[in-house]
């Protein structure tokens, strides 16, 4: 899983629960990704610009700005609008899923989730968005 120039793909993990961050990182242990993380919505907006991730895994319930607000702001800015976003939430209601998709999220997974499924969804989105040459 490589960026142009041979660098590994970078994933930004945004969750205020350190155990969840570690679970997500462990899910990608056997994969070739660069993983960076932050714990609140404001930091997520900064990190999306400074880290230039290929994909964001974004928790819905965050301090400072919630996941809906972060998603909406990322999609509104030209520099971050094309970054795919997977929303994660303990909320499995259809309303939360629909709102996420309407704000521009590419996928939505309900906690608890299967680590294998998360990795598969990340790979699928990266292939779809960036093409096989970059993520083969």
C-alpha atoms as a PDB file:
ATOM      1  CA  UNK A   1       0.000   0.000   0.000  1.00  0.00           C
ATOM      2  CA  UNK A   2       2.044   2.827  -1.331  1.00  0.00           C
ATOM      3  CA  UNK A   3       1.724   6.473  -2.197  1.00  0.00           C
ATOM      4  CA  UNK A   4       3.286   7.824  -5.336  1.00  0.00           C
ATOM      5  CA  UNK A   5       7.029   7.729  -4.816  1.00  0.00           C
ATOM      6  CA  UNK A   6       6.864   4.474  -2.859  1.00  0.00           C
ATOM      7  CA  UNK A   7       5.870   5.875   0.530  1.00  0.00           C
ATOM      8  CA  UNK A   8       3.324   3.875   2.551  1.00  0.00           C
ATOM      9  CA  UNK A   9      -0.209   5.239   2.630  1.00  0.00           C
ATOM     10  CA  UNK A  10      -0.915   7.481   5.603  1.00  0.00           C
ATOM     11  CA  UNK A  11      -4.044   7.087   7.730  1.00  0.00           C
ATOM     12  CA  UNK A  12      -5.157   9.685  10.260  1.00  0.00           C
ATOM     13  CA  UNK A  13      -6.996   8.104  13.206  1.00  0.00           C
ATOM     14  CA  UNK A  14      -9.206  10.532  15.151  1.00  0.00           C
ATOM     15  CA  UNK A  15     -10.590   9.159  18.424  1.00  0.00           C
ATOM     16  CA  UNK A  16     -10.488  10.439  22.009  1.00  0.00           C
ATOM     17  CA  UNK A  17     -10.358   6.914  23.476  1.00  0.00           C
ATOM     18  CA  UNK A  18      -6.718   5.726  23.642  1.00  0.00           C
ATOM     19  CA  UNK A  19      -7.884   2.088  23.777  1.00  0.00           C
ATOM     20  CA  UNK A  20      -9.785   2.530  20.516  1.00  0.00           C
ATOM     21  CA  UNK A  21      -6.759   4.191  18.885  1.00  0.00           C
ATOM     22  CA  UNK A  22      -4.603   1.237  19.948  1.00  0.00           C
ATOM     23  CA  UNK A  23      -7.195  -1.252  18.655  1.00  0.00           C
ATOM     24  CA  UNK A  24      -7.276   0.490  15.278  1.00  0.00           C
ATOM     25  CA  UNK A  25      -3.470   0.638  15.129  1.00  0.00           C
ATOM     26  CA  UNK A  26      -3.289  -3.066  16.016  1.00  0.00           C
ATOM     27  CA  UNK A  27      -5.718  -3.791  13.167  1.00  0.00           C
ATOM     28  CA  UNK A  28      -3.120  -2.418  10.739  1.00  0.00           C
ATOM     29  CA  UNK A  29      -0.089  -4.044  12.401  1.00  0.00           C
ATOM     30  CA  UNK A  30       0.485  -6.454   9.513  1.00  0.00           C
ATOM     31  CA  UNK A  31      -0.213  -3.832   6.842  1.00  0.00           C
ATOM     32  CA  UNK A  32       2.138  -1.275   5.364  1.00  0.00           C
ATOM     33  CA  UNK A  33       0.560   2.001   6.404  1.00  0.00           C
ATOM     34  CA  UNK A  34       1.852   5.046   8.230  1.00  0.00           C
ATOM     35  CA  UNK A  35      -0.550   5.726  11.114  1.00  0.00           C
ATOM     36  CA  UNK A  36      -0.948   9.064  12.879  1.00  0.00           C
ATOM     37  CA  UNK A  37      -3.562   9.930  15.481  1.00  0.00           C
ATOM     38  CA  UNK A  38      -5.153  12.752  17.423  1.00  0.00           C
ATOM     39  CA  UNK A  39      -7.845  12.948  20.080  1.00  0.00           C
ATOM     40  CA  UNK A  40     -10.187  15.847  19.327  1.00  0.00           C
ATOM     41  CA  UNK A  41     -11.957  17.566  16.467  1.00  0.00           C
ATOM     42  CA  UNK A  42      -9.795  20.694  16.363  1.00  0.00           C
ATOM     43  CA  UNK A  43      -6.605  18.620  16.253  1.00  0.00           C
ATOM     44  CA  UNK A  44      -8.167  16.550  13.472  1.00  0.00           C
ATOM     45  CA  UNK A  45      -8.617  19.626  11.282  1.00  0.00           C
ATOM     46  CA  UNK A  46      -4.997  20.683  11.873  1.00  0.00           C
ATOM     47  CA  UNK A  47      -3.625  17.176  11.314  1.00  0.00           C
ATOM     48  CA  UNK A  48      -5.561  16.727   8.077  1.00  0.00           C
ATOM     49  CA  UNK A  49      -3.654  19.725   6.695  1.00  0.00           C
ATOM     50  CA  UNK A  50      -0.205  19.099   8.208  1.00  0.00           C
ATOM     51  CA  UNK A  51      -0.091  15.302   7.831  1.00  0.00           C
ATOM     52  CA  UNK A  52      -1.797  15.129   4.403  1.00  0.00           C
ATOM     53  CA  UNK A  53      -3.333  11.695   5.067  1.00  0.00           C
ATOM     54  CA  UNK A  54      -4.640   9.441   2.312  1.00  0.00           C
ATOM     55  CA  UNK A  55      -7.648   8.521   4.477  1.00  0.00           C
ATOM     56  CA  UNK A  56      -9.196   9.582   7.808  1.00  0.00           C
ATOM     57  CA  UNK A  57     -10.811   7.214  10.311  1.00  0.00           C
ATOM     58  CA  UNK A  58     -13.035   9.599  12.272  1.00  0.00           C
ATOM     59  CA  UNK A  59     -14.932   8.935  15.494  1.00  0.00           C
ATOM     60  CA  UNK A  60     -18.315  10.623  15.738  1.00  0.00           C
ATOM     61  CA  UNK A  61     -18.221  11.579  19.431  1.00  0.00           C
ATOM     62  CA  UNK A  62     -15.192  13.840  19.953  1.00  0.00           C
ATOM     63  CA  UNK A  63     -14.297  16.724  22.262  1.00  0.00           C
ATOM     64  CA  UNK A  64     -14.197  20.298  20.890  1.00  0.00           C
ATOM     65  CA  UNK A  65     -15.754  19.472  17.492  1.00  0.00           C
ATOM     66  CA  UNK A  66     -17.760  16.306  16.863  1.00  0.00           C
ATOM     67  CA  UNK A  67     -17.164  14.007  13.911  1.00  0.00           C
ATOM     68  CA  UNK A  68     -20.034  15.502  11.905  1.00  0.00           C
ATOM     69  CA  UNK A  69     -18.488  18.987  12.217  1.00  0.00           C
ATOM     70  CA  UNK A  70     -15.005  17.717  11.361  1.00  0.00           C
ATOM     71  CA  UNK A  71     -16.294  15.845   8.313  1.00  0.00           C
ATOM     72  CA  UNK A  72     -18.243  18.871   7.101  1.00  0.00           C
ATOM     73  CA  UNK A  73     -15.247  21.210   7.504  1.00  0.00           C
ATOM     74  CA  UNK A  74     -12.793  18.822   5.842  1.00  0.00           C
ATOM     75  CA  UNK A  75     -15.110  18.392   2.867  1.00  0.00           C
ATOM     76  CA  UNK A  76     -15.606  22.181   2.588  1.00  0.00           C
ATOM     77  CA  UNK A  77     -11.885  22.995   2.297  1.00  0.00           C
ATOM     78  CA  UNK A  78     -10.226  22.552  -1.119  1.00  0.00           C
ATOM     79  CA  UNK A  79      -7.022  21.165   0.443  1.00  0.00           C
ATOM     80  CA  UNK A  80      -8.821  18.382   2.321  1.00  0.00           C
ATOM     81  CA  UNK A  81     -12.076  17.901   0.396  1.00  0.00           C
ATOM     82  CA  UNK A  82     -10.867  14.828  -1.495  1.00  0.00           C
ATOM     83  CA  UNK A  83      -9.556  12.897   1.522  1.00  0.00           C
ATOM     84  CA  UNK A  84     -11.781   9.837   2.059  1.00  0.00           C
ATOM     85  CA  UNK A  85     -13.366   9.541   5.511  1.00  0.00           C
ATOM     86  CA  UNK A  86     -14.602   6.464   7.366  1.00  0.00           C
ATOM     87  CA  UNK A  87     -16.837   7.424  10.289  1.00  0.00           C
ATOM     88  CA  UNK A  88     -16.767   5.236  13.411  1.00  0.00           C
ATOM     89  CA  UNK A  89     -19.462   5.398  16.035  1.00  0.00           C
ATOM     90  CA  UNK A  90     -21.186   3.472  18.764  1.00  0.00           C
ATOM     91  CA  UNK A  91     -24.346   5.010  17.284  1.00  0.00           C
ATOM     92  CA  UNK A  92     -25.828   2.546  14.834  1.00  0.00           C
ATOM     93  CA  UNK A  93     -28.944   4.548  14.043  1.00  0.00           C
ATOM     94  CA  UNK A  94     -29.797   5.092  10.421  1.00  0.00           C
ATOM     95  CA  UNK A  95     -30.015   8.852  11.052  1.00  0.00           C
ATOM     96  CA  UNK A  96     -26.329   9.085  12.072  1.00  0.00           C
ATOM     97  CA  UNK A  97     -25.271   7.008   9.080  1.00  0.00           C
ATOM     98  CA  UNK A  98     -27.315   9.088   6.641  1.00  0.00           C
ATOM     99  CA  UNK A  99     -26.068  12.363   8.135  1.00  0.00           C
ATOM    100  CA  UNK A 100     -22.457  11.158   7.809  1.00  0.00           C
ATOM    101  CA  UNK A 101     -22.941  10.221   4.164  1.00  0.00           C
ATOM    102  CA  UNK A 102     -24.729  13.500   3.421  1.00  0.00           C
ATOM    103  CA  UNK A 103     -21.755  15.398   4.874  1.00  0.00           C
ATOM    104  CA  UNK A 104     -19.387  13.551   2.550  1.00  0.00           C
ATOM    105  CA  UNK A 105     -18.172  10.532   4.529  1.00  0.00           C
ATOM    106  CA  UNK A 106     -17.215   7.592   2.322  1.00  0.00           C
ATOM    107  CA  UNK A 107     -18.188   4.887   4.796  1.00  0.00           C
ATOM    108  CA  UNK A 108     -19.615   4.361   8.296  1.00  0.00           C
ATOM    109  CA  UNK A 109     -18.799   1.559  10.704  1.00  0.00           C
ATOM    110  CA  UNK A 110     -20.517   0.880  14.009  1.00  0.00           C
ATOM    111  CA  UNK A 111     -18.485   0.051  17.136  1.00  0.00           C
ATOM    112  CA  UNK A 112     -17.692  -2.599  18.044  1.00  0.00           C
ATOM    113  CA  UNK A 113     -16.342  -3.466  14.614  1.00  0.00           C
ATOM    114  CA  UNK A 114     -14.294  -6.242  13.078  1.00  0.00           C
ATOM    115  CA  UNK A 115     -10.646  -5.178  12.674  1.00  0.00           C
ATOM    116  CA  UNK A 116     -10.427  -7.311   9.526  1.00  0.00           C
ATOM    117  CA  UNK A 117     -13.461  -5.555   8.072  1.00  0.00           C
ATOM    118  CA  UNK A 118     -12.008  -2.116   8.878  1.00  0.00           C
ATOM    119  CA  UNK A 119      -8.758  -2.962   7.073  1.00  0.00           C
ATOM    120  CA  UNK A 120     -10.686  -4.365   4.095  1.00  0.00           C
ATOM    121  CA  UNK A 121     -12.847  -1.234   3.868  1.00  0.00           C
ATOM    122  CA  UNK A 122      -9.790   1.043   4.058  1.00  0.00           C
ATOM    123  CA  UNK A 123      -8.087  -0.885   1.251  1.00  0.00           C
ATOM    124  CA  UNK A 124     -11.266  -0.857  -0.852  1.00  0.00           C
ATOM    125  CA  UNK A 125     -11.686   2.911  -0.497  1.00  0.00           C
ATOM    126  CA  UNK A 126      -8.015   3.592  -1.232  1.00  0.00           C
ATOM    127  CA  UNK A 127      -8.217   1.470  -4.401  1.00  0.00           C
ATOM    128  CA  UNK A 128     -11.403   3.198  -5.488  1.00  0.00           C
ATOM    129  CA  UNK A 129     -10.188   6.727  -4.790  1.00  0.00           C
ATOM    130  CA  UNK A 130      -6.546   6.506  -5.814  1.00  0.00           C
ATOM    131  CA  UNK A 131      -6.436   3.543  -8.188  1.00  0.00           C
ATOM    132  CA  UNK A 132      -4.554   0.272  -8.163  1.00  0.00           C
ATOM    133  CA  UNK A 133      -1.224   1.752  -9.274  1.00  0.00           C
ATOM    134  CA  UNK A 134      -0.909   3.422  -5.909  1.00  0.00           C
ATOM    135  CA  UNK A 135      -2.422   0.761  -3.668  1.00  0.00           C
ATOM    136  CA  UNK A 136      -1.870  -2.504  -5.487  1.00  0.00           C
END
